[in-house]
């Protein structure tokens, strides 16, 4: 892949995350951290909302060629997010927190937040 394609994807991903963060803030989420990286992968946004520590995956699609944003989150991706969340909880000594996994799907101009999108919330 050429540098321009990689740079364009990073820029598009960043724009999608910025848009998602703005929507989440409007909905009452408190953004704690963005782009948490672990050996299992990355969590786009970590926030607090309604007493939950929320791990948010952001998926953006500009066209329909590869399906919707929500279809892009397969079981392997979910497992990586869950494992990364476990690392975050352990590192930050907050294993007793109530958690959940939300997804922000961005398809063109449509932004949708799905709470409790996957995983075993506690």
Protein backbone atom coordinates (compact mmCIF):
# COMPACT_ATOMS: atom_id res chain seq x y z
CA UNK A 1 0.00 0.00 0.00
CA UNK A 2 1.28 3.42 -0.81
CA UNK A 3 1.77 6.03 1.89
CA UNK A 4 -1.10 8.14 0.56
CA UNK A 5 -3.66 5.34 0.94
CA UNK A 6 -2.49 4.63 4.50
CA UNK A 7 -2.49 8.35 5.34
CA UNK A 8 -5.98 8.77 3.86
CA UNK A 9 -7.30 5.82 5.89
CA UNK A 10 -5.78 7.20 9.09
CA UNK A 11 -7.28 10.61 8.39
CA UNK A 12 -10.70 9.11 7.63
CA UNK A 13 -10.50 7.00 10.79
CA UNK A 14 -9.55 10.02 12.86
CA UNK A 15 -12.40 12.05 11.38
CA UNK A 16 -14.83 9.23 12.15
CA UNK A 17 -13.61 8.99 15.74
CA UNK A 18 -13.87 12.79 16.15
CA UNK A 19 -17.44 12.66 14.88
CA UNK A 20 -18.29 9.73 17.14
CA UNK A 21 -16.78 11.46 20.19
CA UNK A 22 -18.86 14.58 19.49
CA UNK A 23 -22.06 12.51 19.25
CA UNK A 24 -21.21 10.59 22.43
CA UNK A 25 -20.57 13.83 24.33
CA UNK A 26 -23.95 15.16 23.19
CA UNK A 27 -25.54 11.96 24.53
CA UNK A 28 -23.93 12.48 27.94
CA UNK A 29 -20.82 10.32 27.69
CA UNK A 30 -17.67 11.57 29.40
CA UNK A 31 -14.72 10.74 27.15
CA UNK A 32 -11.81 9.42 29.23
CA UNK A 33 -9.37 8.18 26.60
CA UNK A 34 -9.03 7.68 22.88
CA UNK A 35 -7.01 5.08 21.01
CA UNK A 36 -6.02 2.79 23.88
CA UNK A 37 -3.57 0.25 22.50
CA UNK A 38 -2.80 -3.18 23.90
CA UNK A 39 -1.11 -6.23 22.46
CA UNK A 40 -4.57 -7.41 21.39
CA UNK A 41 -5.52 -4.31 19.43
CA UNK A 42 -6.94 -0.87 19.93
CA UNK A 43 -10.04 0.52 21.60
CA UNK A 44 -11.18 3.67 19.83
CA UNK A 45 -12.87 5.42 22.77
CA UNK A 46 -13.13 4.72 26.49
CA UNK A 47 -15.82 6.71 28.25
CA UNK A 48 -18.16 6.80 31.23
CA UNK A 49 -21.93 6.89 30.87
CA UNK A 50 -24.76 6.05 33.29
CA UNK A 51 -22.38 4.48 35.81
CA UNK A 52 -20.69 2.26 33.22
CA UNK A 53 -17.13 2.28 31.98
CA UNK A 54 -17.81 2.04 28.25
CA UNK A 55 -15.48 0.65 25.60
CA UNK A 56 -16.53 2.07 22.24
CA UNK A 57 -15.68 0.75 18.79
CA UNK A 58 -16.13 3.24 15.96
CA UNK A 59 -16.72 1.96 12.44
CA UNK A 60 -17.11 4.22 9.45
CA UNK A 61 -18.18 3.35 5.94
CA UNK A 62 -18.38 5.85 3.12
CA UNK A 63 -19.97 3.45 0.63
CA UNK A 64 -21.84 0.16 0.54
CA UNK A 65 -19.16 -1.83 -1.31
CA UNK A 66 -18.04 -3.59 1.87
CA UNK A 67 -21.32 -3.67 3.80
CA UNK A 68 -22.47 -1.47 6.65
CA UNK A 69 -20.31 -0.21 9.46
CA UNK A 70 -21.87 -2.71 11.89
CA UNK A 71 -21.20 -5.64 9.54
CA UNK A 72 -17.49 -4.77 9.71
CA UNK A 73 -17.27 -5.86 13.36
CA UNK A 74 -16.78 -9.60 13.23
CA UNK A 75 -16.30 -12.04 16.10
CA UNK A 76 -12.50 -11.78 15.86
CA UNK A 77 -12.66 -7.97 16.19
CA UNK A 78 -15.05 -8.25 19.15
CA UNK A 79 -12.69 -10.67 20.90
CA UNK A 80 -9.75 -8.28 20.41
CA UNK A 81 -11.77 -5.41 21.86
CA UNK A 82 -12.85 -7.51 24.86
CA UNK A 83 -9.27 -8.62 25.53
CA UNK A 84 -7.99 -5.05 25.20
CA UNK A 85 -10.69 -3.92 27.65
CA UNK A 86 -9.56 -6.59 30.11
CA UNK A 87 -6.01 -5.25 29.84
CA UNK A 88 -7.24 -1.70 30.46
CA UNK A 89 -9.18 -2.79 33.54
CA UNK A 90 -6.19 -4.66 34.95
CA UNK A 91 -3.66 -1.90 34.23
CA UNK A 92 -5.93 0.74 35.77
CA UNK A 93 -6.96 -1.35 38.78
CA UNK A 94 -10.65 -1.07 38.02
CA UNK A 95 -11.67 -4.69 37.63
CA UNK A 96 -14.73 -4.06 39.81
CA UNK A 97 -16.24 -1.44 37.45
CA UNK A 98 -19.50 -2.01 35.62
CA UNK A 99 -18.59 -2.16 31.94
CA UNK A 100 -20.24 -2.39 28.58
CA UNK A 101 -19.30 -2.40 24.92
CA UNK A 102 -20.93 0.15 22.61
CA UNK A 103 -20.52 0.69 18.89
CA UNK A 104 -20.80 3.90 16.92
CA UNK A 105 -21.58 3.13 13.29
CA UNK A 106 -21.09 5.84 10.72
CA UNK A 107 -22.54 5.16 7.29
CA UNK A 108 -22.24 8.25 5.13
CA UNK A 109 -24.06 11.00 7.03
CA UNK A 110 -25.90 8.57 9.33
CA UNK A 111 -24.43 8.12 12.84
CA UNK A 112 -25.91 5.47 15.12
CA UNK A 113 -24.89 4.60 18.70
CA UNK A 114 -25.66 1.06 19.84
CA UNK A 115 -25.33 0.48 23.58
CA UNK A 116 -24.59 -3.03 24.88
CA UNK A 117 -23.57 -4.00 21.32
CA UNK A 118 -21.69 -7.16 22.35
CA UNK A 119 -19.91 -8.95 25.17
CA UNK A 120 -21.07 -9.78 28.67
CA UNK A 121 -21.73 -6.44 30.31
CA UNK A 122 -21.38 -6.35 34.07
